[in-house]
Amino acid sequence: MLETILPNVPVRHRGAAMGHKVAALVIDDANPFEFAVAAEVFGIERPEIPEWDYEFELVASGRRVTLHGGAQLHTTADLDALTTADTVVVPAGNVFSPNDPDIVAAVAA
């Protein structure tokens, strides 16, 4: 199915040794909608798509992030998860300051 839609993109089928690992790096004051898009696309299993095989991690420098608007989000992994991710998604936030050396180092790795 996906081979027809995206013929040049390698597709992993269920039953492969390991799924495609996606890590969403959420920072304080991130916009909830942008985070929700990543969670919707990669974090919910899609049995109607046989080629769907993603492992989704919610990553932050701490175990809790305050989203724009005040909602608290508990993460599933710390920054170390970025080093083993195949894809890193950084949802938009109102302020992103690359001054946090731990975040910069983790993304650069």
N, C-alpha and C. Protein backbone atom coordinates (compact mmCIF):
# COMPACT_ATOMS: atom_id res chain seq x y z
N MET A 1 0.81 -1.19 0.00
CA MET A 1 0.00 0.00 0.00
C MET A 1 0.86 1.26 0.00
N LEU A 2 1.74 1.40 1.00
CA LEU A 2 2.58 2.58 1.05
C LEU A 2 3.60 2.60 -0.07
N GLU A 3 4.00 1.41 -0.55
CA GLU A 3 4.95 1.37 -1.66
C GLU A 3 4.37 2.05 -2.90
N THR A 4 3.07 1.96 -3.07
CA THR A 4 2.40 2.58 -4.21
C THR A 4 2.35 4.09 -4.04
N ILE A 5 2.06 4.54 -2.82
CA ILE A 5 1.94 5.98 -2.56
C ILE A 5 3.31 6.64 -2.53
N LEU A 6 4.26 6.00 -1.87
CA LEU A 6 5.61 6.55 -1.72
C LEU A 6 6.63 5.53 -2.21
N PRO A 7 6.80 5.38 -3.52
CA PRO A 7 7.63 4.29 -4.05
C PRO A 7 9.10 4.37 -3.70
N ASN A 8 9.63 5.53 -3.36
CA ASN A 8 11.06 5.66 -3.07
C ASN A 8 11.39 5.64 -1.58
N VAL A 9 10.39 5.42 -0.74
CA VAL A 9 10.60 5.40 0.70
C VAL A 9 10.64 3.96 1.18
N PRO A 10 11.74 3.56 1.86
CA PRO A 10 11.79 2.19 2.36
C PRO A 10 10.70 1.98 3.40
N VAL A 11 10.04 0.86 3.34
CA VAL A 11 8.93 0.56 4.25
C VAL A 11 9.28 -0.70 5.04
N ARG A 12 9.05 -0.65 6.34
CA ARG A 12 9.23 -1.83 7.18
C ARG A 12 7.88 -2.46 7.42
N HIS A 13 7.83 -3.75 7.35
CA HIS A 13 6.58 -4.46 7.57
C HIS A 13 6.55 -4.99 8.99
N ARG A 14 5.34 -5.15 9.52
CA ARG A 14 5.21 -5.74 10.86
C ARG A 14 5.90 -7.07 10.88
N GLY A 15 6.49 -7.37 12.02
CA GLY A 15 7.23 -8.61 12.12
C GLY A 15 8.71 -8.40 11.88
N ALA A 16 9.08 -7.18 11.42
CA ALA A 16 10.50 -6.88 11.27
C ALA A 16 11.13 -6.87 12.66
N ALA A 17 12.44 -6.97 12.70
CA ALA A 17 13.14 -7.07 13.99
C ALA A 17 12.79 -5.92 14.92
N MET A 18 12.66 -4.73 14.40
CA MET A 18 12.39 -3.57 15.25
C MET A 18 11.70 -2.51 14.41
N GLY A 19 10.75 -1.81 15.02
CA GLY A 19 10.05 -0.75 14.31
C GLY A 19 10.92 0.49 14.17
N HIS A 20 10.44 1.40 13.38
CA HIS A 20 11.10 2.68 13.18
C HIS A 20 10.87 3.50 14.45
N LYS A 21 11.94 3.89 15.11
CA LYS A 21 11.83 4.61 16.38
C LYS A 21 11.70 6.11 16.14
N VAL A 22 10.62 6.68 16.64
CA VAL A 22 10.36 8.11 16.53
C VAL A 22 10.35 8.69 17.93
N ALA A 23 11.13 9.75 18.14
CA ALA A 23 11.16 10.44 19.42
C ALA A 23 10.68 11.87 19.22
N ALA A 24 9.69 12.27 19.99
CA ALA A 24 9.21 13.65 19.96
C ALA A 24 9.84 14.38 21.14
N LEU A 25 10.69 15.35 20.85
CA LEU A 25 11.35 16.14 21.88
C LEU A 25 10.45 17.32 22.22
N VAL A 26 9.88 17.28 23.41
CA VAL A 26 8.96 18.33 23.83
C VAL A 26 9.65 19.23 24.84
N ILE A 27 9.59 20.52 24.59
CA ILE A 27 10.22 21.50 25.48
C ILE A 27 9.12 22.28 26.20
N ASP A 28 9.49 22.93 27.29
CA ASP A 28 8.53 23.77 27.99
C ASP A 28 7.95 24.82 27.05
N ASP A 29 6.69 25.07 27.19
CA ASP A 29 5.93 26.05 26.42
C ASP A 29 5.70 25.62 24.98
N ALA A 30 5.85 24.31 24.70
CA ALA A 30 5.54 23.80 23.36
C ALA A 30 4.04 23.96 23.11
N ASN A 31 3.68 24.15 21.86
CA ASN A 31 2.27 24.26 21.50
C ASN A 31 1.63 22.87 21.52
N PRO A 32 0.53 22.70 22.22
CA PRO A 32 -0.11 21.38 22.32
C PRO A 32 -0.50 20.78 20.97
N PHE A 33 -0.94 21.61 20.03
CA PHE A 33 -1.37 21.08 18.73
C PHE A 33 -0.21 20.40 18.01
N GLU A 34 0.95 21.04 17.98
CA GLU A 34 2.10 20.46 17.26
C GLU A 34 2.54 19.15 17.91
N PHE A 35 2.53 19.10 19.23
CA PHE A 35 2.86 17.84 19.91
C PHE A 35 1.82 16.78 19.57
N ALA A 36 0.55 17.17 19.59
CA ALA A 36 -0.54 16.21 19.34
C ALA A 36 -0.46 15.62 17.94
N VAL A 37 0.00 16.40 16.96
CA VAL A 37 0.13 15.88 15.60
C VAL A 37 1.15 14.74 15.58
N ALA A 38 2.29 14.93 16.21
CA ALA A 38 3.31 13.87 16.25
C ALA A 38 2.77 12.64 16.97
N ALA A 39 2.07 12.84 18.08
CA ALA A 39 1.51 11.71 18.82
C ALA A 39 0.43 11.00 18.01
N GLU A 40 -0.38 11.74 17.29
CA GLU A 40 -1.43 11.13 16.47
C GLU A 40 -0.85 10.32 15.32
N VAL A 41 0.15 10.87 14.65
CA VAL A 41 0.72 10.20 13.48
C VAL A 41 1.55 8.98 13.87
N PHE A 42 2.39 9.10 14.89
CA PHE A 42 3.33 8.03 15.21
C PHE A 42 3.00 7.25 16.48
N GLY A 43 2.15 7.77 17.34
CA GLY A 43 1.93 7.15 18.64
C GLY A 43 0.73 6.24 18.75
N ILE A 44 -0.10 6.19 17.71
CA ILE A 44 -1.30 5.35 17.74
C ILE A 44 -1.16 4.28 16.67
N GLU A 45 -1.28 3.03 17.08
CA GLU A 45 -1.15 1.94 16.11
C GLU A 45 -2.28 2.00 15.09
N ARG A 46 -1.93 1.73 13.85
CA ARG A 46 -2.88 1.77 12.74
C ARG A 46 -3.01 0.38 12.13
N PRO A 47 -3.88 -0.47 12.67
CA PRO A 47 -3.99 -1.83 12.14
C PRO A 47 -4.46 -1.88 10.69
N GLU A 48 -5.10 -0.83 10.22
CA GLU A 48 -5.57 -0.81 8.84
C GLU A 48 -4.43 -0.56 7.85
N ILE A 49 -3.23 -0.22 8.36
CA ILE A 49 -2.05 -0.01 7.52
C ILE A 49 -1.03 -1.09 7.89
N PRO A 50 -0.95 -2.17 7.13
CA PRO A 50 -0.05 -3.27 7.49
C PRO A 50 1.41 -2.86 7.62
N GLU A 51 1.82 -1.83 6.89
CA GLU A 51 3.21 -1.40 6.92
C GLU A 51 3.54 -0.53 8.13
N TRP A 52 2.54 -0.16 8.91
CA TRP A 52 2.75 0.73 10.06
C TRP A 52 3.56 -0.01 11.11
N ASP A 53 4.69 0.53 11.47
CA ASP A 53 5.54 -0.13 12.46
C ASP A 53 6.42 0.91 13.15
N TYR A 54 5.80 1.75 13.96
CA TYR A 54 6.53 2.81 14.66
C TYR A 54 6.58 2.54 16.15
N GLU A 55 7.70 2.90 16.74
CA GLU A 55 7.84 2.95 18.19
C GLU A 55 7.94 4.42 18.55
N PHE A 56 7.06 4.91 19.40
CA PHE A 56 6.99 6.34 19.70
C PHE A 56 7.41 6.61 21.13
N GLU A 57 8.30 7.56 21.31
CA GLU A 57 8.74 7.99 22.64
C GLU A 57 8.49 9.47 22.79
N LEU A 58 8.03 9.86 23.93
CA LEU A 58 7.87 11.27 24.28
C LEU A 58 9.07 11.64 25.14
N VAL A 59 9.90 12.56 24.65
CA VAL A 59 11.19 12.85 25.27
C VAL A 59 11.25 14.30 25.75
N ALA A 60 11.88 14.49 26.89
CA ALA A 60 12.15 15.84 27.41
C ALA A 60 13.38 15.79 28.29
N SER A 61 13.91 16.96 28.61
CA SER A 61 15.10 16.99 29.46
C SER A 61 14.76 16.60 30.89
N GLY A 62 13.52 16.73 31.28
CA GLY A 62 13.02 16.26 32.57
C GLY A 62 11.88 15.31 32.31
N ARG A 63 11.25 14.81 33.34
CA ARG A 63 10.15 13.88 33.14
C ARG A 63 8.79 14.58 33.06
N ARG A 64 8.78 15.91 33.19
CA ARG A 64 7.53 16.65 33.10
C ARG A 64 7.77 17.94 32.35
N VAL A 65 6.86 18.27 31.45
CA VAL A 65 6.95 19.47 30.63
C VAL A 65 5.64 20.23 30.79
N THR A 66 5.72 21.56 30.85
CA THR A 66 4.53 22.39 30.88
C THR A 66 4.31 22.96 29.49
N LEU A 67 3.20 22.55 28.88
CA LEU A 67 2.88 23.02 27.54
C LEU A 67 2.34 24.44 27.58
N HIS A 68 2.32 25.11 26.43
CA HIS A 68 1.72 26.44 26.34
C HIS A 68 0.26 26.32 26.77
N GLY A 69 -0.15 27.15 27.66
CA GLY A 69 -1.51 27.08 28.19
C GLY A 69 -1.55 26.44 29.56
N GLY A 70 -0.43 25.82 30.00
CA GLY A 70 -0.35 25.32 31.36
C GLY A 70 -0.53 23.83 31.56
N ALA A 71 -0.92 23.09 30.54
CA ALA A 71 -1.09 21.64 30.72
C ALA A 71 0.25 20.99 31.01
N GLN A 72 0.23 20.02 31.90
CA GLN A 72 1.45 19.28 32.26
C GLN A 72 1.48 17.97 31.48
N LEU A 73 2.65 17.64 30.98
CA LEU A 73 2.83 16.43 30.19
C LEU A 73 3.95 15.61 30.83
N HIS A 74 3.68 14.35 31.10
CA HIS A 74 4.70 13.46 31.66
C HIS A 74 5.31 12.69 30.50
N THR A 75 6.63 12.71 30.43
CA THR A 75 7.31 12.08 29.30
C THR A 75 7.58 10.60 29.57
N THR A 76 7.87 9.88 28.49
CA THR A 76 8.15 8.45 28.61
C THR A 76 9.64 8.16 28.59
N ALA A 77 10.45 9.16 28.24
CA ALA A 77 11.90 8.93 28.15
C ALA A 77 12.65 10.25 28.36
N ASP A 78 13.93 10.10 28.69
CA ASP A 78 14.76 11.29 28.82
C ASP A 78 15.56 11.50 27.53
N LEU A 79 16.46 12.46 27.54
CA LEU A 79 17.18 12.84 26.33
C LEU A 79 18.01 11.72 25.72
N ASP A 80 18.38 10.73 26.51
CA ASP A 80 19.16 9.60 25.97
C ASP A 80 18.42 8.87 24.85
N ALA A 81 17.10 8.93 24.87
CA ALA A 81 16.31 8.24 23.84
C ALA A 81 16.55 8.84 22.45
N LEU A 82 17.02 10.06 22.38
CA LEU A 82 17.26 10.68 21.08
C LEU A 82 18.41 10.01 20.33
N THR A 83 19.35 9.44 21.06
CA THR A 83 20.51 8.83 20.40
C THR A 83 20.15 7.53 19.68
N THR A 84 19.06 6.88 20.07
CA THR A 84 18.67 5.64 19.41
C THR A 84 17.48 5.82 18.48
N ALA A 85 16.96 7.03 18.37
CA ALA A 85 15.80 7.28 17.51
C ALA A 85 16.22 7.33 16.05
N ASP A 86 15.36 6.79 15.19
CA ASP A 86 15.58 6.90 13.75
C ASP A 86 15.14 8.27 13.25
N THR A 87 14.10 8.81 13.89
CA THR A 87 13.57 10.12 13.53
C THR A 87 13.31 10.90 14.81
N VAL A 88 13.71 12.17 14.82
CA VAL A 88 13.43 13.06 15.95
C VAL A 88 12.51 14.17 15.46
N VAL A 89 11.39 14.32 16.14
CA VAL A 89 10.42 15.38 15.84
C VAL A 89 10.51 16.40 16.96
N VAL A 90 10.61 17.68 16.58
CA VAL A 90 10.63 18.75 17.58
C VAL A 90 9.41 19.63 17.32
N PRO A 91 8.33 19.39 18.08
CA PRO A 91 7.14 20.21 17.89
C PRO A 91 7.43 21.68 18.18
N ALA A 92 6.79 22.54 17.43
CA ALA A 92 7.00 23.98 17.59
C ALA A 92 6.61 24.43 18.99
N GLY A 93 7.34 25.41 19.47
CA GLY A 93 7.04 26.02 20.76
C GLY A 93 7.05 27.52 20.60
N ASN A 94 6.57 28.21 21.58
CA ASN A 94 6.57 29.67 21.51
C ASN A 94 7.97 30.23 21.65
N VAL A 95 8.78 29.55 22.43
CA VAL A 95 10.16 29.99 22.61
C VAL A 95 11.05 28.75 22.58
N PHE A 96 12.02 28.74 21.70
CA PHE A 96 13.01 27.67 21.73
C PHE A 96 14.35 28.32 21.90
N SER A 97 14.97 28.03 22.99
CA SER A 97 16.27 28.60 23.27
C SER A 97 17.30 27.49 23.20
N PRO A 98 18.21 27.58 22.25
CA PRO A 98 19.25 26.54 22.16
C PRO A 98 20.32 26.70 23.24
N ASN A 99 19.97 27.38 24.31
CA ASN A 99 20.95 27.60 25.38
C ASN A 99 21.05 26.41 26.33
N ASP A 100 20.16 25.46 26.25
CA ASP A 100 20.23 24.28 27.11
C ASP A 100 21.24 23.31 26.47
N PRO A 101 22.46 23.24 27.01
CA PRO A 101 23.49 22.42 26.38
C PRO A 101 23.13 20.93 26.32
N ASP A 102 22.32 20.45 27.26
CA ASP A 102 21.93 19.03 27.24
C ASP A 102 21.02 18.74 26.04
N ILE A 103 20.10 19.64 25.74
CA ILE A 103 19.22 19.45 24.59
C ILE A 103 20.00 19.56 23.30
N VAL A 104 20.87 20.55 23.19
CA VAL A 104 21.67 20.74 21.99
C VAL A 104 22.55 19.51 21.74
N ALA A 105 23.19 19.01 22.77
CA ALA A 105 24.05 17.83 22.63
C ALA A 105 23.26 16.61 22.23
N ALA A 106 22.07 16.42 22.83
CA ALA A 106 21.26 15.26 22.52
C ALA A 106 20.75 15.29 21.08
N VAL A 107 20.34 16.45 20.61
CA VAL A 107 19.87 16.56 19.23
C VAL A 107 21.03 16.39 18.25
N ALA A 108 22.18 16.91 18.59
CA ALA A 108 23.35 16.81 17.72
C ALA A 108 23.86 15.37 17.61
N ALA A 109 23.64 14.58 18.66
CA ALA A 109 24.12 13.20 18.65
C ALA A 109 23.29 12.43 17.69
